[in-house]
């Protein structure tokens, strides 16, 4: 789609002005949202809200198929793959499939010999 909002500092382009504003914070280092518990700062309020739940223990994201609860929505989505058996990430070397991309990346190193550090 069309991306009319261009960053003045790099080649990045965006389809929404607010996304360009979020992107600009990467260049400036601005982190206006501060955790009241530990002082950690964040670029986006939604990331602060996720972080605060690590202090409060709140787990608002509940699995519809079991009693599991999570403090972040993306973790619930990962969990749901256990119920569905979905493994969308496939190794290009041997065809083994994984639920998470990071697990595929770890596995690929067994083929390439690449060290993570």
PDB file of N, CA and C in Angstrom:
ATOM      1  N   UNK A   1       0.800  -1.192   0.000  1.00  0.00           N
ATOM      2  CA  UNK A   1       0.000   0.000   0.000  1.00  0.00           C
ATOM      3  C   UNK A   1       0.843   1.256   0.000  1.00  0.00           C
ATOM      4  N   UNK A   2       0.207   2.339  -0.148  1.00  0.00           N
ATOM      5  CA  UNK A   2       0.873   3.639  -0.178  1.00  0.00           C
ATOM      6  C   UNK A   2       1.414   3.994   1.204  1.00  0.00           C
ATOM      7  N   UNK A   3       2.642   4.537   1.229  1.00  0.00           N
ATOM      8  CA  UNK A   3       3.280   4.944   2.480  1.00  0.00           C
ATOM      9  C   UNK A   3       3.787   6.376   2.324  1.00  0.00           C
ATOM     10  N   UNK A   4       2.897   7.354   2.514  1.00  0.00           N
ATOM     11  CA  UNK A   4       3.252   8.750   2.245  1.00  0.00           C
ATOM     12  C   UNK A   4       4.078   9.436   3.332  1.00  0.00           C
ATOM     13  N   UNK A   5       4.214   8.820   4.502  1.00  0.00           N
ATOM     14  CA  UNK A   5       4.913   9.476   5.609  1.00  0.00           C
ATOM     15  C   UNK A   5       6.343   8.942   5.696  1.00  0.00           C
ATOM     16  N   UNK A   6       7.319   9.788   5.323  1.00  0.00           N
ATOM     17  CA  UNK A   6       8.713   9.371   5.256  1.00  0.00           C
ATOM     18  C   UNK A   6       9.521   9.993   6.383  1.00  0.00           C
ATOM     19  N   UNK A   7      10.375   9.169   6.969  1.00  0.00           N
ATOM     20  CA  UNK A   7      11.285   9.646   8.006  1.00  0.00           C
ATOM     21  C   UNK A   7      12.349  10.542   7.372  1.00  0.00           C
ATOM     22  N   UNK A   8      12.629  11.687   8.002  1.00  0.00           N
ATOM     23  CA  UNK A   8      13.648  12.618   7.509  1.00  0.00           C
ATOM     24  C   UNK A   8      15.072  12.126   7.783  1.00  0.00           C
ATOM     25  N   UNK A   9      15.203  11.137   8.676  1.00  0.00           N
ATOM     26  CA  UNK A   9      16.532  10.694   9.089  1.00  0.00           C
ATOM     27  C   UNK A   9      16.976   9.376   8.466  1.00  0.00           C
ATOM     28  N   UNK A  10      16.041   8.646   7.884  1.00  0.00           N
ATOM     29  CA  UNK A  10      16.382   7.382   7.238  1.00  0.00           C
ATOM     30  C   UNK A  10      15.387   7.138   6.100  1.00  0.00           C
ATOM     31  N   UNK A  11      15.462   6.001   5.480  1.00  0.00           N
ATOM     32  CA  UNK A  11      14.598   5.706   4.328  1.00  0.00           C
ATOM     33  C   UNK A  11      13.252   5.100   4.706  1.00  0.00           C
ATOM     34  N   UNK A  12      12.958   4.992   5.979  1.00  0.00           N
ATOM     35  CA  UNK A  12      11.707   4.356   6.410  1.00  0.00           C
ATOM     36  C   UNK A  12      10.494   5.172   5.963  1.00  0.00           C
ATOM     37  N   UNK A  13       9.455   4.455   5.528  1.00  0.00           N
ATOM     38  CA  UNK A  13       8.195   5.082   5.117  1.00  0.00           C
ATOM     39  C   UNK A  13       7.047   4.372   5.818  1.00  0.00           C
ATOM     40  N   UNK A  14       5.979   5.131   6.092  1.00  0.00           N
ATOM     41  CA  UNK A  14       4.859   4.598   6.860  1.00  0.00           C
ATOM     42  C   UNK A  14       3.534   5.038   6.258  1.00  0.00           C
ATOM     43  N   UNK A  15       2.508   4.241   6.499  1.00  0.00           N
ATOM     44  CA  UNK A  15       1.180   4.575   5.974  1.00  0.00           C
ATOM     45  C   UNK A  15       0.363   5.413   6.950  1.00  0.00           C
ATOM     46  N   UNK A  16       0.842   5.589   8.173  1.00  0.00           N
ATOM     47  CA  UNK A  16       0.145   6.388   9.176  1.00  0.00           C
ATOM     48  C   UNK A  16       1.132   7.357   9.826  1.00  0.00           C
ATOM     49  N   UNK A  17       0.672   8.573  10.061  1.00  0.00           N
ATOM     50  CA  UNK A  17       1.532   9.600  10.656  1.00  0.00           C
ATOM     51  C   UNK A  17       1.956   9.224  12.079  1.00  0.00           C
ATOM     52  N   UNK A  18       1.042   8.623  12.855  1.00  0.00           N
ATOM     53  CA  UNK A  18       1.388   8.283  14.239  1.00  0.00           C
ATOM     54  C   UNK A  18       2.481   7.219  14.284  1.00  0.00           C
ATOM     55  N   UNK A  19       2.541   6.350  13.279  1.00  0.00           N
ATOM     56  CA  UNK A  19       3.599   5.335  13.252  1.00  0.00           C
ATOM     57  C   UNK A  19       4.947   6.004  12.965  1.00  0.00           C
ATOM     58  N   UNK A  20       4.946   7.007  12.088  1.00  0.00           N
ATOM     59  CA  UNK A  20       6.164   7.782  11.846  1.00  0.00           C
ATOM     60  C   UNK A  20       6.635   8.446  13.138  1.00  0.00           C
ATOM     61  N   UNK A  21       5.696   8.992  13.917  1.00  0.00           N
ATOM     62  CA  UNK A  21       6.064   9.631  15.190  1.00  0.00           C
ATOM     63  C   UNK A  21       6.668   8.615  16.163  1.00  0.00           C
ATOM     64  N   UNK A  22       6.095   7.407  16.211  1.00  0.00           N
ATOM     65  CA  UNK A  22       6.673   6.362  17.059  1.00  0.00           C
ATOM     66  C   UNK A  22       8.078   6.014  16.581  1.00  0.00           C
ATOM     67  N   UNK A  23       8.230   5.877  15.268  1.00  0.00           N
ATOM     68  CA  UNK A  23       9.528   5.552  14.684  1.00  0.00           C
ATOM     69  C   UNK A  23      10.576   6.612  15.044  1.00  0.00           C
ATOM     70  N   UNK A  24      10.189   7.872  15.011  1.00  0.00           N
ATOM     71  CA  UNK A  24      11.122   8.969  15.288  1.00  0.00           C
ATOM     72  C   UNK A  24      11.753   8.837  16.671  1.00  0.00           C
ATOM     73  N   UNK A  25      11.043   8.229  17.604  1.00  0.00           N
ATOM     74  CA  UNK A  25      11.576   8.051  18.961  1.00  0.00           C
ATOM     75  C   UNK A  25      12.800   7.139  18.967  1.00  0.00           C
ATOM     76  N   UNK A  26      12.929   6.258  17.959  1.00  0.00           N
ATOM     77  CA  UNK A  26      14.125   5.415  17.866  1.00  0.00           C
ATOM     78  C   UNK A  26      15.346   6.280  17.566  1.00  0.00           C
ATOM     79  N   UNK A  27      15.160   7.308  16.747  1.00  0.00           N
ATOM     80  CA  UNK A  27      16.274   8.192  16.405  1.00  0.00           C
ATOM     81  C   UNK A  27      16.636   9.117  17.566  1.00  0.00           C
ATOM     82  N   UNK A  28      15.649   9.613  18.277  1.00  0.00           N
ATOM     83  CA  UNK A  28      15.903  10.575  19.355  1.00  0.00           C
ATOM     84  C   UNK A  28      16.256   9.900  20.671  1.00  0.00           C
ATOM     85  N   UNK A  29      15.871   8.621  20.810  1.00  0.00           N
ATOM     86  CA  UNK A  29      16.080   7.924  22.075  1.00  0.00           C
ATOM     87  C   UNK A  29      15.040   8.287  23.122  1.00  0.00           C
ATOM     88  N   UNK A  30      14.043   9.058  22.725  1.00  0.00           N
ATOM     89  CA  UNK A  30      13.007   9.508  23.661  1.00  0.00           C
ATOM     90  C   UNK A  30      12.233   8.316  24.232  1.00  0.00           C
ATOM     91  N   UNK A  31      12.110   8.305  25.550  1.00  0.00           N
ATOM     92  CA  UNK A  31      11.325   7.288  26.258  1.00  0.00           C
ATOM     93  C   UNK A  31      10.489   8.000  27.316  1.00  0.00           C
ATOM     94  N   UNK A  32       9.358   8.544  26.923  1.00  0.00           N
ATOM     95  CA  UNK A  32       8.593   9.402  27.830  1.00  0.00           C
ATOM     96  C   UNK A  32       7.773   8.668  28.889  1.00  0.00           C
ATOM     97  N   UNK A  33       7.632   7.355  28.782  1.00  0.00           N
ATOM     98  CA  UNK A  33       6.756   6.626  29.700  1.00  0.00           C
ATOM     99  C   UNK A  33       7.594   5.870  30.730  1.00  0.00           C
ATOM    100  N   UNK A  34       7.403   6.236  32.018  1.00  0.00           N
ATOM    101  CA  UNK A  34       8.250   5.718  33.099  1.00  0.00           C
ATOM    102  C   UNK A  34       7.451   4.831  34.044  1.00  0.00           C
ATOM    103  N   UNK A  35       8.028   3.688  34.403  1.00  0.00           N
ATOM    104  CA  UNK A  35       7.400   2.768  35.349  1.00  0.00           C
ATOM    105  C   UNK A  35       7.464   3.353  36.757  1.00  0.00           C
ATOM    106  N   UNK A  36       6.320   3.397  37.426  1.00  0.00           N
ATOM    107  CA  UNK A  36       6.273   3.948  38.787  1.00  0.00           C
ATOM    108  C   UNK A  36       6.870   2.992  39.815  1.00  0.00           C
ATOM    109  N   UNK A  37       7.082   1.734  39.433  1.00  0.00           N
ATOM    110  CA  UNK A  37       7.630   0.750  40.368  1.00  0.00           C
ATOM    111  C   UNK A  37       9.163   0.702  40.342  1.00  0.00           C
ATOM    112  N   UNK A  38       9.742   0.753  39.143  1.00  0.00           N
ATOM    113  CA  UNK A  38      11.192   0.569  39.062  1.00  0.00           C
ATOM    114  C   UNK A  38      11.921   1.655  38.277  1.00  0.00           C
ATOM    115  N   UNK A  39      11.183   2.543  37.630  1.00  0.00           N
ATOM    116  CA  UNK A  39      11.814   3.637  36.903  1.00  0.00           C
ATOM    117  C   UNK A  39      12.217   3.336  35.467  1.00  0.00           C
ATOM    118  N   UNK A  40      12.033   2.109  35.019  1.00  0.00           N
ATOM    119  CA  UNK A  40      12.348   1.782  33.626  1.00  0.00           C
ATOM    120  C   UNK A  40      11.488   2.631  32.697  1.00  0.00           C
ATOM    121  N   UNK A  41      12.093   3.094  31.610  1.00  0.00           N
ATOM    122  CA  UNK A  41      11.388   3.988  30.686  1.00  0.00           C
ATOM    123  C   UNK A  41      11.099   3.277  29.367  1.00  0.00           C
ATOM    124  N   UNK A  42      10.021   3.714  28.697  1.00  0.00           N
ATOM    125  CA  UNK A  42       9.571   3.092  27.453  1.00  0.00           C
ATOM    126  C   UNK A  42       9.190   4.146  26.426  1.00  0.00           C
ATOM    127  N   UNK A  43       9.331   3.783  25.159  1.00  0.00           N
ATOM    128  CA  UNK A  43       8.950   4.679  24.064  1.00  0.00           C
ATOM    129  C   UNK A  43       7.442   4.723  23.869  1.00  0.00           C
ATOM    130  N   UNK A  44       6.771   3.615  24.168  1.00  0.00           N
ATOM    131  CA  UNK A  44       5.331   3.530  23.932  1.00  0.00           C
ATOM    132  C   UNK A  44       4.604   3.167  25.225  1.00  0.00           C
ATOM    133  N   UNK A  45       3.434   3.761  25.414  1.00  0.00           N
ATOM    134  CA  UNK A  45       2.650   3.512  26.625  1.00  0.00           C
ATOM    135  C   UNK A  45       2.217   2.051  26.714  1.00  0.00           C
ATOM    136  N   UNK A  46       1.900   1.425  25.582  1.00  0.00           N
ATOM    137  CA  UNK A  46       1.473   0.023  25.621  1.00  0.00           C
ATOM    138  C   UNK A  46       2.593  -0.872  26.146  1.00  0.00           C
ATOM    139  N   UNK A  47       3.854  -0.533  25.852  1.00  0.00           N
ATOM    140  CA  UNK A  47       4.971  -1.317  26.373  1.00  0.00           C
ATOM    141  C   UNK A  47       5.128  -1.106  27.879  1.00  0.00           C
ATOM    142  N   UNK A  48       4.891   0.120  28.340  1.00  0.00           N
ATOM    143  CA  UNK A  48       4.893   0.381  29.780  1.00  0.00           C
ATOM    144  C   UNK A  48       3.797  -0.438  30.458  1.00  0.00           C
ATOM    145  N   UNK A  49       2.601  -0.439  29.879  1.00  0.00           N
ATOM    146  CA  UNK A  49       1.494  -1.193  30.476  1.00  0.00           C
ATOM    147  C   UNK A  49       1.818  -2.680  30.568  1.00  0.00           C
ATOM    148  N   UNK A  50       2.420  -3.235  29.519  1.00  0.00           N
ATOM    149  CA  UNK A  50       2.850  -4.641  29.562  1.00  0.00           C
ATOM    150  C   UNK A  50       3.839  -4.854  30.699  1.00  0.00           C
ATOM    151  N   UNK A  51       4.807  -3.954  30.804  1.00  0.00           N
ATOM    152  CA  UNK A  51       5.848  -4.059  31.825  1.00  0.00           C
ATOM    153  C   UNK A  51       5.267  -3.977  33.238  1.00  0.00           C
ATOM    154  N   UNK A  52       4.342  -3.062  33.467  1.00  0.00           N
ATOM    155  CA  UNK A  52       3.758  -2.885  34.804  1.00  0.00           C
ATOM    156  C   UNK A  52       3.135  -4.187  35.303  1.00  0.00           C
ATOM    157  N   UNK A  53       2.570  -4.965  34.401  1.00  0.00           N
ATOM    158  CA  UNK A  53       1.970  -6.244  34.812  1.00  0.00           C
ATOM    159  C   UNK A  53       3.003  -7.221  35.365  1.00  0.00           C
ATOM    160  N   UNK A  54       4.285  -7.039  35.036  1.00  0.00           N
ATOM    161  CA  UNK A  54       5.305  -7.899  35.639  1.00  0.00           C
ATOM    162  C   UNK A  54       5.465  -7.572  37.118  1.00  0.00           C
ATOM    163  N   UNK A  55       5.139  -6.341  37.505  1.00  0.00           N
ATOM    164  CA  UNK A  55       5.195  -5.940  38.912  1.00  0.00           C
ATOM    165  C   UNK A  55       3.916  -6.319  39.656  1.00  0.00           C
ATOM    166  N   UNK A  56       2.773  -6.127  39.022  1.00  0.00           N
ATOM    167  CA  UNK A  56       1.487  -6.325  39.707  1.00  0.00           C
ATOM    168  C   UNK A  56       1.024  -7.777  39.696  1.00  0.00           C
ATOM    169  N   UNK A  57       1.556  -8.566  38.760  1.00  0.00           N
ATOM    170  CA  UNK A  57       1.112  -9.954  38.643  1.00  0.00           C
ATOM    171  C   UNK A  57      -0.194 -10.115  37.884  1.00  0.00           C
ATOM    172  N   UNK A  58      -0.743  -9.016  37.379  1.00  0.00           N
ATOM    173  CA  UNK A  58      -1.998  -9.081  36.625  1.00  0.00           C
ATOM    174  C   UNK A  58      -1.800  -9.903  35.349  1.00  0.00           C
ATOM    175  N   UNK A  59      -2.763 -10.788  35.080  1.00  0.00           N
ATOM    176  CA  UNK A  59      -2.730 -11.620  33.874  1.00  0.00           C
ATOM    177  C   UNK A  59      -4.097 -11.560  33.200  1.00  0.00           C
ATOM    178  N   UNK A  60      -4.338 -10.497  32.425  1.00  0.00           N
ATOM    179  CA  UNK A  60      -5.671 -10.284  31.857  1.00  0.00           C
ATOM    180  C   UNK A  60      -5.983 -11.106  30.605  1.00  0.00           C
ATOM    181  N   UNK A  61      -4.987 -11.793  30.050  1.00  0.00           N
ATOM    182  CA  UNK A  61      -5.211 -12.530  28.806  1.00  0.00           C
ATOM    183  C   UNK A  61      -5.389 -14.013  29.107  1.00  0.00           C
ATOM    184  N   UNK A  62      -6.640 -14.490  28.983  1.00  0.00           N
ATOM    185  CA  UNK A  62      -6.993 -15.857  29.366  1.00  0.00           C
ATOM    186  C   UNK A  62      -7.238 -16.718  28.140  1.00  0.00           C
ATOM    187  N   UNK A  63      -6.724 -17.931  28.190  1.00  0.00           N
ATOM    188  CA  UNK A  63      -6.946 -18.902  27.122  1.00  0.00           C
ATOM    189  C   UNK A  63      -8.391 -19.383  27.165  1.00  0.00           C
ATOM    190  N   UNK A  64      -9.040 -19.437  26.012  1.00  0.00           N
ATOM    191  CA  UNK A  64     -10.424 -19.916  25.925  1.00  0.00           C
ATOM    192  C   UNK A  64     -10.527 -21.434  26.041  1.00  0.00           C
ATOM    193  N   UNK A  65      -9.397 -22.136  25.911  1.00  0.00           N
ATOM    194  CA  UNK A  65      -9.429 -23.600  25.885  1.00  0.00           C
ATOM    195  C   UNK A  65      -8.934 -24.259  27.169  1.00  0.00           C
ATOM    196  N   UNK A  66      -8.290 -23.489  28.018  1.00  0.00           N
ATOM    197  CA  UNK A  66      -7.826 -24.032  29.301  1.00  0.00           C
ATOM    198  C   UNK A  66      -7.792 -22.889  30.316  1.00  0.00           C
ATOM    199  N   UNK A  67      -7.280 -23.134  31.498  1.00  0.00           N
ATOM    200  CA  UNK A  67      -7.277 -22.121  32.558  1.00  0.00           C
ATOM    201  C   UNK A  67      -6.047 -21.207  32.541  1.00  0.00           C
ATOM    202  N   UNK A  68      -5.209 -21.339  31.543  1.00  0.00           N
ATOM    203  CA  UNK A  68      -3.983 -20.544  31.504  1.00  0.00           C
ATOM    204  C   UNK A  68      -4.287 -19.056  31.326  1.00  0.00           C
ATOM    205  N   UNK A  69      -3.513 -18.226  32.036  1.00  0.00           N
ATOM    206  CA  UNK A  69      -3.634 -16.768  31.946  1.00  0.00           C
ATOM    207  C   UNK A  69      -2.242 -16.184  31.734  1.00  0.00           C
ATOM    208  N   UNK A  70      -2.200 -15.040  31.041  1.00  0.00           N
ATOM    209  CA  UNK A  70      -0.921 -14.450  30.676  1.00  0.00           C
ATOM    210  C   UNK A  70      -0.947 -12.939  30.855  1.00  0.00           C
ATOM    211  N   UNK A  71       0.243 -12.370  31.077  1.00  0.00           N
ATOM    212  CA  UNK A  71       0.328 -10.925  31.267  1.00  0.00           C
ATOM    213  C   UNK A  71       0.552 -10.175  29.954  1.00  0.00           C
ATOM    214  N   UNK A  72       0.812 -10.900  28.879  1.00  0.00           N
ATOM    215  CA  UNK A  72       0.992 -10.275  27.563  1.00  0.00           C
ATOM    216  C   UNK A  72       0.191 -11.034  26.513  1.00  0.00           C
ATOM    217  N   UNK A  73      -0.418 -10.273  25.614  1.00  0.00           N
ATOM    218  CA  UNK A  73      -1.274 -10.866  24.588  1.00  0.00           C
ATOM    219  C   UNK A  73      -0.488 -11.783  23.652  1.00  0.00           C
ATOM    220  N   UNK A  74       0.727 -11.397  23.306  1.00  0.00           N
ATOM    221  CA  UNK A  74       1.491 -12.220  22.374  1.00  0.00           C
ATOM    222  C   UNK A  74       1.837 -13.582  22.981  1.00  0.00           C
ATOM    223  N   UNK A  75       1.980 -13.643  24.307  1.00  0.00           N
ATOM    224  CA  UNK A  75       2.262 -14.928  24.948  1.00  0.00           C
ATOM    225  C   UNK A  75       1.032 -15.825  24.875  1.00  0.00           C
ATOM    226  N   UNK A  76      -0.155 -15.245  25.028  1.00  0.00           N
ATOM    227  CA  UNK A  76      -1.391 -16.011  24.832  1.00  0.00           C
ATOM    228  C   UNK A  76      -1.446 -16.567  23.413  1.00  0.00           C
ATOM    229  N   UNK A  77      -1.074 -15.760  22.425  1.00  0.00           N
ATOM    230  CA  UNK A  77      -1.087 -16.230  21.035  1.00  0.00           C
ATOM    231  C   UNK A  77      -0.110 -17.386  20.830  1.00  0.00           C
ATOM    232  N   UNK A  78       1.069 -17.294  21.449  1.00  0.00           N
ATOM    233  CA  UNK A  78       2.022 -18.402  21.371  1.00  0.00           C
ATOM    234  C   UNK A  78       1.443 -19.650  22.028  1.00  0.00           C
ATOM    235  N   UNK A  79       0.823 -19.467  23.188  1.00  0.00           N
ATOM    236  CA  UNK A  79       0.214 -20.575  23.921  1.00  0.00           C
ATOM    237  C   UNK A  79      -0.857 -21.263  23.079  1.00  0.00           C
ATOM    238  N   UNK A  80      -1.660 -20.481  22.369  1.00  0.00           N
ATOM    239  CA  UNK A  80      -2.752 -21.040  21.565  1.00  0.00           C
ATOM    240  C   UNK A  80      -2.238 -22.032  20.531  1.00  0.00           C
ATOM    241  N   UNK A  81      -1.009 -21.840  20.076  1.00  0.00           N
ATOM    242  CA  UNK A  81      -0.429 -22.763  19.090  1.00  0.00           C
ATOM    243  C   UNK A  81      -0.248 -24.164  19.661  1.00  0.00           C
ATOM    244  N   UNK A  82      -0.135 -24.272  20.992  1.00  0.00           N
ATOM    245  CA  UNK A  82      -0.042 -25.599  21.609  1.00  0.00           C
ATOM    246  C   UNK A  82      -1.354 -26.352  21.433  1.00  0.00           C
ATOM    247  N   UNK A  83      -2.462 -25.639  21.534  1.00  0.00           N
ATOM    248  CA  UNK A  83      -3.768 -26.281  21.366  1.00  0.00           C
ATOM    249  C   UNK A  83      -4.031 -26.655  19.910  1.00  0.00           C
ATOM    250  N   UNK A  84      -3.642 -25.800  18.986  1.00  0.00           N
ATOM    251  CA  UNK A  84      -3.932 -26.041  17.568  1.00  0.00           C
ATOM    252  C   UNK A  84      -2.894 -26.930  16.905  1.00  0.00           C
ATOM    253  N   UNK A  85      -1.724 -27.023  17.513  1.00  0.00           N
ATOM    254  CA  UNK A  85      -0.638 -27.778  16.892  1.00  0.00           C
ATOM    255  C   UNK A  85       0.052 -27.008  15.772  1.00  0.00           C
ATOM    256  N   UNK A  86      -0.312 -25.742  15.612  1.00  0.00           N
ATOM    257  CA  UNK A  86       0.246 -24.923  14.531  1.00  0.00           C
ATOM    258  C   UNK A  86       1.757 -24.762  14.691  1.00  0.00           C
ATOM    259  N   UNK A  87       2.462 -25.017  13.608  1.00  0.00           N
ATOM    260  CA  UNK A  87       3.915 -24.825  13.565  1.00  0.00           C
ATOM    261  C   UNK A  87       4.250 -24.128  12.241  1.00  0.00           C
ATOM    262  N   UNK A  88       4.107 -22.809  12.214  1.00  0.00           N
ATOM    263  CA  UNK A  88       4.224 -22.093  10.943  1.00  0.00           C
ATOM    264  C   UNK A  88       5.653 -21.869  10.430  1.00  0.00           C
ATOM    265  N   UNK A  89       6.658 -22.136  11.253  1.00  0.00           N
ATOM    266  CA  UNK A  89       8.030 -21.827  10.859  1.00  0.00           C
ATOM    267  C   UNK A  89       8.766 -23.103  10.462  1.00  0.00           C
ATOM    268  N   UNK A  90       9.188 -23.177   9.193  1.00  0.00           N
ATOM    269  CA  UNK A  90       9.755 -24.400   8.622  1.00  0.00           C
ATOM    270  C   UNK A  90      11.231 -24.216   8.282  1.00  0.00           C
ATOM    271  N   UNK A  91      12.043 -25.201   8.666  1.00  0.00           N
ATOM    272  CA  UNK A  91      13.472 -25.187   8.361  1.00  0.00           C
ATOM    273  C   UNK A  91      13.677 -25.428   6.866  1.00  0.00           C
ATOM    274  N   UNK A  92      14.457 -24.555   6.229  1.00  0.00           N
ATOM    275  CA  UNK A  92      14.712 -24.694   4.795  1.00  0.00           C
ATOM    276  C   UNK A  92      15.713 -25.806   4.493  1.00  0.00           C
ATOM    277  N   UNK A  93      16.393 -26.306   5.530  1.00  0.00           N
ATOM    278  CA  UNK A  93      17.370 -27.362   5.322  1.00  0.00           C
ATOM    279  C   UNK A  93      16.765 -28.761   5.445  1.00  0.00           C
ATOM    280  N   UNK A  94      15.889 -28.960   6.453  1.00  0.00           N
ATOM    281  CA  UNK A  94      15.391 -30.316   6.701  1.00  0.00           C
ATOM    282  C   UNK A  94      13.874 -30.419   6.780  1.00  0.00           C
ATOM    283  N   UNK A  95      13.177 -29.293   6.788  1.00  0.00           N
ATOM    284  CA  UNK A  95      11.716 -29.332   6.816  1.00  0.00           C
ATOM    285  C   UNK A  95      11.089 -29.415   8.195  1.00  0.00           C
ATOM    286  N   UNK A  96      11.895 -29.508   9.252  1.00  0.00           N
ATOM    287  CA  UNK A  96      11.341 -29.532  10.603  1.00  0.00           C
ATOM    288  C   UNK A  96      10.588 -28.228  10.852  1.00  0.00           C
ATOM    289  N   UNK A  97       9.452 -28.328  11.534  1.00  0.00           N
ATOM    290  CA  UNK A  97       8.601 -27.153  11.756  1.00  0.00           C
ATOM    291  C   UNK A  97       8.622 -26.762  13.235  1.00  0.00           C
ATOM    292  N   UNK A  98       8.405 -25.463  13.490  1.00  0.00           N
ATOM    293  CA  UNK A  98       8.452 -24.910  14.838  1.00  0.00           C
ATOM    294  C   UNK A  98       7.306 -23.942  15.069  1.00  0.00           C
ATOM    295  N   UNK A  99       6.907 -23.820  16.333  1.00  0.00           N
ATOM    296  CA  UNK A  99       5.838 -22.885  16.702  1.00  0.00           C
ATOM    297  C   UNK A  99       6.330 -21.444  16.760  1.00  0.00           C
ATOM    298  N   UNK A 100       7.607 -21.282  17.108  1.00  0.00           N
ATOM    299  CA  UNK A 100       8.159 -19.939  17.279  1.00  0.00           C
ATOM    300  C   UNK A 100       9.376 -19.752  16.376  1.00  0.00           C
ATOM    301  N   UNK A 101       9.502 -18.552  15.822  1.00  0.00           N
ATOM    302  CA  UNK A 101      10.610 -18.258  14.921  1.00  0.00           C
ATOM    303  C   UNK A 101      11.959 -18.363  15.630  1.00  0.00           C
ATOM    304  N   UNK A 102      12.002 -17.969  16.901  1.00  0.00           N
ATOM    305  CA  UNK A 102      13.274 -18.031  17.626  1.00  0.00           C
ATOM    306  C   UNK A 102      13.757 -19.472  17.762  1.00  0.00           C
ATOM    307  N   UNK A 103      12.829 -20.422  17.891  1.00  0.00           N
ATOM    308  CA  UNK A 103      13.215 -21.832  17.976  1.00  0.00           C
ATOM    309  C   UNK A 103      13.727 -22.326  16.628  1.00  0.00           C
ATOM    310  N   UNK A 104      13.103 -21.871  15.541  1.00  0.00           N
ATOM    311  CA  UNK A 104      13.613 -22.197  14.208  1.00  0.00           C
ATOM    312  C   UNK A 104      15.022 -21.646  14.040  1.00  0.00           C
ATOM    313  N   UNK A 105      15.235 -20.398  14.435  1.00  0.00           N
ATOM    314  CA  UNK A 105      16.562 -19.791  14.291  1.00  0.00           C
ATOM    315  C   UNK A 105      17.618 -20.572  15.065  1.00  0.00           C
ATOM    316  N   UNK A 106      17.288 -21.014  16.279  1.00  0.00           N
ATOM    317  CA  UNK A 106      18.217 -21.845  17.059  1.00  0.00           C
ATOM    318  C   UNK A 106      18.515 -23.141  16.314  1.00  0.00           C
ATOM    319  N   UNK A 107      17.474 -23.765  15.773  1.00  0.00           N
ATOM    320  CA  UNK A 107      17.619 -25.027  15.051  1.00  0.00           C
ATOM    321  C   UNK A 107      18.494 -24.862  13.803  1.00  0.00           C
ATOM    322  N   UNK A 108      18.304 -23.783  13.060  1.00  0.00           N
ATOM    323  CA  UNK A 108      19.070 -23.561  11.827  1.00  0.00           C
ATOM    324  C   UNK A 108      20.567 -23.548  12.115  1.00  0.00           C
ATOM    325  N   UNK A 109      20.945 -23.081  13.290  1.00  0.00           N
ATOM    326  CA  UNK A 109      22.369 -23.067  13.657  1.00  0.00           C
ATOM    327  C   UNK A 109      22.956 -24.474  13.723  1.00  0.00           C
ATOM    328  N   UNK A 110      22.116 -25.489  13.961  1.00  0.00           N
ATOM    329  CA  UNK A 110      22.634 -26.864  13.956  1.00  0.00           C
ATOM    330  C   UNK A 110      23.045 -27.269  12.544  1.00  0.00           C
ATOM    331  N   UNK A 111      22.465 -26.643  11.544  1.00  0.00           N
ATOM    332  CA  UNK A 111      22.838 -26.917  10.154  1.00  0.00           C
ATOM    333  C   UNK A 111      24.016 -26.057   9.708  1.00  0.00           C
ATOM    334  N   UNK A 112      24.037 -24.803  10.123  1.00  0.00           N
ATOM    335  CA  UNK A 112      25.038 -23.856   9.616  1.00  0.00           C
ATOM    336  C   UNK A 112      26.307 -23.809  10.462  1.00  0.00           C
ATOM    337  N   UNK A 113      26.199 -24.253  11.725  1.00  0.00           N
ATOM    338  CA  UNK A 113      27.343 -24.173  12.625  1.00  0.00           C
ATOM    339  C   UNK A 113      27.562 -22.792  13.202  1.00  0.00           C
ATOM    340  N   UNK A 114      26.680 -21.858  12.874  1.00  0.00           N
ATOM    341  CA  UNK A 114      26.802 -20.486  13.378  1.00  0.00           C
ATOM    342  C   UNK A 114      26.640 -20.468  14.890  1.00  0.00           C
ATOM    343  N   UNK A 115      27.491 -19.693  15.546  1.00  0.00           N
ATOM    344  CA  UNK A 115      27.414 -19.532  16.998  1.00  0.00           C
ATOM    345  C   UNK A 115      26.599 -18.277  17.306  1.00  0.00           C
ATOM    346  N   UNK A 116      25.700 -18.335  18.312  1.00  0.00           N
ATOM    347  CA  UNK A 116      24.846 -17.179  18.597  1.00  0.00           C
ATOM    348  C   UNK A 116      25.597 -15.983  19.163  1.00  0.00           C
ATOM    349  N   UNK A 117      26.785 -16.198  19.757  1.00  0.00           N
ATOM    350  CA  UNK A 117      27.515 -15.069  20.354  1.00  0.00           C
ATOM    351  C   UNK A 117      28.944 -15.065  19.879  1.00  0.00           C
TER     352      UNK A 117
END
